[in-house]
Amino acid sequence: MDATIKDFEAAIAELESIVKKLEEGDLPLETSLQLYERGVQLSRFCHSRLEEAERRIEILTERGEIKPAPAGLGDDERKP
């Protein structure tokens, strides 16, 4: 992976910044392409980290027999 990406949170923050710049649309084409490429790198990094976290959770779930919360849990708290 790219050594310039520090961690998931930093990657998300940079990706959000890139999206904002691209949405403004005031950039030269070459700059836009460079930002887009960097955004793809960041997106892949984040996706990879999320998949890794999901695998770790699945392993913990299998080992610890953690069950998902039943549907509707906490709904009583929202009712007046």
N, C-alpha and C. Protein backbone atom coordinates (compact mmCIF):
# COMPACT_ATOMS: atom_id res chain seq x y z
N MET A 1 0.83 -1.19 0.00
CA MET A 1 0.00 0.00 0.00
C MET A 1 0.87 1.26 0.00
N ASP A 2 0.24 2.38 -0.18
CA ASP A 2 0.91 3.67 -0.25
C ASP A 2 1.41 4.10 1.12
N ALA A 3 2.71 4.33 1.23
CA ALA A 3 3.32 4.70 2.51
C ALA A 3 2.93 6.10 2.95
N THR A 4 2.37 6.91 2.04
CA THR A 4 1.97 8.26 2.42
C THR A 4 0.64 8.29 3.17
N ILE A 5 -0.07 7.18 3.17
CA ILE A 5 -1.35 7.11 3.87
C ILE A 5 -1.07 6.60 5.28
N LYS A 6 -1.36 7.44 6.28
CA LYS A 6 -1.02 7.10 7.66
C LYS A 6 -1.99 6.11 8.28
N ASP A 7 -3.26 6.43 8.25
CA ASP A 7 -4.25 5.56 8.85
C ASP A 7 -5.62 5.83 8.23
N PHE A 8 -6.60 5.05 8.65
CA PHE A 8 -7.94 5.12 8.08
C PHE A 8 -8.53 6.52 8.23
N GLU A 9 -8.43 7.08 9.43
CA GLU A 9 -9.03 8.38 9.70
C GLU A 9 -8.40 9.48 8.84
N ALA A 10 -7.07 9.43 8.70
CA ALA A 10 -6.38 10.41 7.86
C ALA A 10 -6.78 10.24 6.40
N ALA A 11 -6.94 9.00 5.97
CA ALA A 11 -7.33 8.73 4.59
C ALA A 11 -8.73 9.26 4.31
N ILE A 12 -9.63 9.05 5.24
CA ILE A 12 -11.01 9.54 5.07
C ILE A 12 -11.02 11.07 5.00
N ALA A 13 -10.26 11.71 5.89
CA ALA A 13 -10.21 13.17 5.90
C ALA A 13 -9.66 13.71 4.59
N GLU A 14 -8.59 13.09 4.10
CA GLU A 14 -8.00 13.54 2.83
C GLU A 14 -8.96 13.29 1.67
N LEU A 15 -9.64 12.16 1.70
CA LEU A 15 -10.60 11.83 0.65
C LEU A 15 -11.75 12.84 0.63
N GLU A 16 -12.23 13.22 1.80
CA GLU A 16 -13.30 14.23 1.87
C GLU A 16 -12.83 15.56 1.30
N SER A 17 -11.60 15.93 1.60
CA SER A 17 -11.03 17.17 1.07
C SER A 17 -10.94 17.13 -0.45
N ILE A 18 -10.51 16.00 -0.97
CA ILE A 18 -10.39 15.83 -2.43
C ILE A 18 -11.76 15.93 -3.09
N VAL A 19 -12.74 15.28 -2.52
CA VAL A 19 -14.10 15.32 -3.08
C VAL A 19 -14.60 16.75 -3.12
N LYS A 20 -14.38 17.48 -2.04
CA LYS A 20 -14.83 18.88 -1.99
C LYS A 20 -14.16 19.70 -3.09
N LYS A 21 -12.84 19.54 -3.26
CA LYS A 21 -12.12 20.28 -4.31
C LYS A 21 -12.65 19.92 -5.70
N LEU A 22 -12.88 18.64 -5.93
CA LEU A 22 -13.35 18.20 -7.24
C LEU A 22 -14.77 18.70 -7.50
N GLU A 23 -15.60 18.75 -6.47
CA GLU A 23 -16.97 19.22 -6.65
C GLU A 23 -17.02 20.71 -6.98
N GLU A 24 -16.04 21.46 -6.49
CA GLU A 24 -16.00 22.89 -6.79
C GLU A 24 -15.75 23.12 -8.28
N GLY A 25 -14.94 22.27 -8.90
CA GLY A 25 -14.75 22.31 -10.34
C GLY A 25 -13.89 23.43 -10.89
N ASP A 26 -13.14 24.14 -10.05
CA ASP A 26 -12.33 25.26 -10.53
C ASP A 26 -10.89 24.85 -10.87
N LEU A 27 -10.61 23.60 -10.97
CA LEU A 27 -9.24 23.12 -11.13
C LEU A 27 -8.92 22.82 -12.59
N PRO A 28 -7.64 22.98 -12.94
CA PRO A 28 -7.22 22.54 -14.28
C PRO A 28 -7.40 21.03 -14.41
N LEU A 29 -7.53 20.58 -15.63
CA LEU A 29 -7.78 19.17 -15.89
C LEU A 29 -6.72 18.27 -15.27
N GLU A 30 -5.45 18.61 -15.46
CA GLU A 30 -4.37 17.77 -14.94
C GLU A 30 -4.44 17.66 -13.41
N THR A 31 -4.72 18.75 -12.74
CA THR A 31 -4.85 18.74 -11.28
C THR A 31 -6.04 17.88 -10.86
N SER A 32 -7.13 18.01 -11.58
CA SER A 32 -8.31 17.19 -11.28
C SER A 32 -8.01 15.70 -11.43
N LEU A 33 -7.27 15.36 -12.49
CA LEU A 33 -6.90 13.96 -12.70
C LEU A 33 -5.99 13.45 -11.59
N GLN A 34 -5.04 14.27 -11.16
CA GLN A 34 -4.15 13.86 -10.07
C GLN A 34 -4.94 13.66 -8.77
N LEU A 35 -5.86 14.56 -8.50
CA LEU A 35 -6.68 14.43 -7.30
C LEU A 35 -7.56 13.19 -7.39
N TYR A 36 -8.12 12.93 -8.57
CA TYR A 36 -8.96 11.75 -8.76
C TYR A 36 -8.15 10.48 -8.50
N GLU A 37 -6.93 10.43 -9.05
CA GLU A 37 -6.07 9.26 -8.84
C GLU A 37 -5.76 9.06 -7.36
N ARG A 38 -5.46 10.16 -6.68
CA ARG A 38 -5.19 10.07 -5.24
C ARG A 38 -6.45 9.61 -4.51
N GLY A 39 -7.58 10.09 -4.92
CA GLY A 39 -8.84 9.66 -4.31
C GLY A 39 -9.08 8.17 -4.47
N VAL A 40 -8.75 7.64 -5.63
CA VAL A 40 -8.89 6.20 -5.86
C VAL A 40 -7.97 5.42 -4.93
N GLN A 41 -6.72 5.90 -4.78
CA GLN A 41 -5.78 5.24 -3.86
C GLN A 41 -6.34 5.24 -2.43
N LEU A 42 -6.83 6.39 -2.01
CA LEU A 42 -7.38 6.51 -0.65
C LEU A 42 -8.60 5.62 -0.47
N SER A 43 -9.45 5.60 -1.49
CA SER A 43 -10.65 4.78 -1.42
C SER A 43 -10.31 3.30 -1.31
N ARG A 44 -9.34 2.85 -2.08
CA ARG A 44 -8.91 1.45 -2.00
C ARG A 44 -8.31 1.13 -0.64
N PHE A 45 -7.51 2.05 -0.12
CA PHE A 45 -6.92 1.87 1.20
C PHE A 45 -8.02 1.72 2.26
N CYS A 46 -9.00 2.63 2.23
CA CYS A 46 -10.10 2.59 3.20
C CYS A 46 -10.91 1.30 3.06
N HIS A 47 -11.19 0.93 1.83
CA HIS A 47 -11.95 -0.30 1.59
C HIS A 47 -11.21 -1.51 2.14
N SER A 48 -9.91 -1.53 1.91
CA SER A 48 -9.09 -2.63 2.42
C SER A 48 -9.13 -2.69 3.94
N ARG A 49 -9.02 -1.54 4.58
CA ARG A 49 -9.05 -1.50 6.05
C ARG A 49 -10.41 -1.94 6.59
N LEU A 50 -11.47 -1.53 5.92
CA LEU A 50 -12.81 -1.94 6.35
C LEU A 50 -13.02 -3.44 6.20
N GLU A 51 -12.53 -4.01 5.10
CA GLU A 51 -12.62 -5.47 4.92
C GLU A 51 -11.83 -6.19 6.00
N GLU A 52 -10.65 -5.68 6.31
CA GLU A 52 -9.82 -6.27 7.35
C GLU A 52 -10.54 -6.22 8.72
N ALA A 53 -11.14 -5.10 9.02
CA ALA A 53 -11.88 -4.97 10.28
C ALA A 53 -13.06 -5.94 10.31
N GLU A 54 -13.74 -6.08 9.18
CA GLU A 54 -14.87 -7.01 9.10
C GLU A 54 -14.42 -8.45 9.35
N ARG A 55 -13.28 -8.83 8.77
CA ARG A 55 -12.76 -10.18 9.00
C ARG A 55 -12.41 -10.39 10.47
N ARG A 56 -11.80 -9.39 11.07
CA ARG A 56 -11.45 -9.50 12.49
C ARG A 56 -12.70 -9.66 13.35
N ILE A 57 -13.74 -8.92 13.02
CA ILE A 57 -14.99 -9.02 13.78
C ILE A 57 -15.61 -10.39 13.59
N GLU A 58 -15.58 -10.92 12.36
CA GLU A 58 -16.12 -12.25 12.11
C GLU A 58 -15.37 -13.30 12.92
N ILE A 59 -14.05 -13.18 12.99
CA ILE A 59 -13.25 -14.12 13.79
C ILE A 59 -13.64 -14.02 15.26
N LEU A 60 -13.73 -12.80 15.76
CA LEU A 60 -14.12 -12.61 17.16
C LEU A 60 -15.51 -13.16 17.43
N THR A 61 -16.41 -12.96 16.47
CA THR A 61 -17.77 -13.45 16.62
C THR A 61 -17.78 -14.96 16.70
N GLU A 62 -17.00 -15.63 15.85
CA GLU A 62 -16.94 -17.09 15.87
C GLU A 62 -16.33 -17.61 17.17
N ARG A 63 -15.26 -17.01 17.60
CA ARG A 63 -14.56 -17.47 18.79
C ARG A 63 -15.34 -17.15 20.07
N GLY A 64 -15.87 -15.96 20.12
CA GLY A 64 -16.54 -15.52 21.34
C GLY A 64 -18.03 -15.76 21.34
N GLU A 65 -18.53 -16.31 20.26
CA GLU A 65 -19.95 -16.58 20.11
C GLU A 65 -20.78 -15.33 20.38
N ILE A 66 -20.30 -14.21 19.89
CA ILE A 66 -21.05 -12.96 20.02
C ILE A 66 -22.18 -12.99 19.01
N LYS A 67 -23.35 -12.71 19.45
CA LYS A 67 -24.52 -12.70 18.57
C LYS A 67 -24.91 -11.26 18.28
N PRO A 68 -25.42 -10.98 17.10
CA PRO A 68 -25.89 -9.63 16.80
C PRO A 68 -27.07 -9.27 17.70
N ALA A 69 -27.21 -7.99 17.96
CA ALA A 69 -28.34 -7.53 18.78
C ALA A 69 -29.63 -7.83 18.04
N PRO A 70 -30.66 -8.23 18.77
CA PRO A 70 -31.94 -8.51 18.12
C PRO A 70 -32.51 -7.25 17.48
N ALA A 71 -33.24 -7.44 16.39
CA ALA A 71 -33.87 -6.31 15.71
C ALA A 71 -34.82 -5.62 16.67
N GLY A 72 -34.80 -4.31 16.63
CA GLY A 72 -35.71 -3.54 17.47
C GLY A 72 -35.15 -3.24 18.85
N LEU A 73 -33.96 -3.71 19.15
CA LEU A 73 -33.36 -3.43 20.45
C LEU A 73 -33.13 -1.94 20.57
N GLY A 74 -33.62 -1.36 21.63
CA GLY A 74 -33.46 0.07 21.85
C GLY A 74 -34.60 0.89 21.27
N ASP A 75 -35.56 0.26 20.60
CA ASP A 75 -36.68 1.02 20.04
C ASP A 75 -37.52 1.67 21.14
N ASP A 76 -37.61 1.03 22.30
CA ASP A 76 -38.40 1.57 23.40
C ASP A 76 -37.87 2.92 23.85
N GLU A 77 -36.56 3.13 23.72
CA GLU A 77 -35.96 4.39 24.15
C GLU A 77 -36.40 5.55 23.27
N ARG A 78 -36.75 5.28 22.03
CA ARG A 78 -37.13 6.34 21.09
C ARG A 78 -38.61 6.71 21.20
N LYS A 79 -39.40 5.86 21.81
CA LYS A 79 -40.83 6.13 21.90
C LYS A 79 -41.11 7.10 23.04
N PRO A 80 -42.07 8.03 22.86
CA PRO A 80 -42.41 9.00 23.91
C PRO A 80 -43.08 8.36 25.10
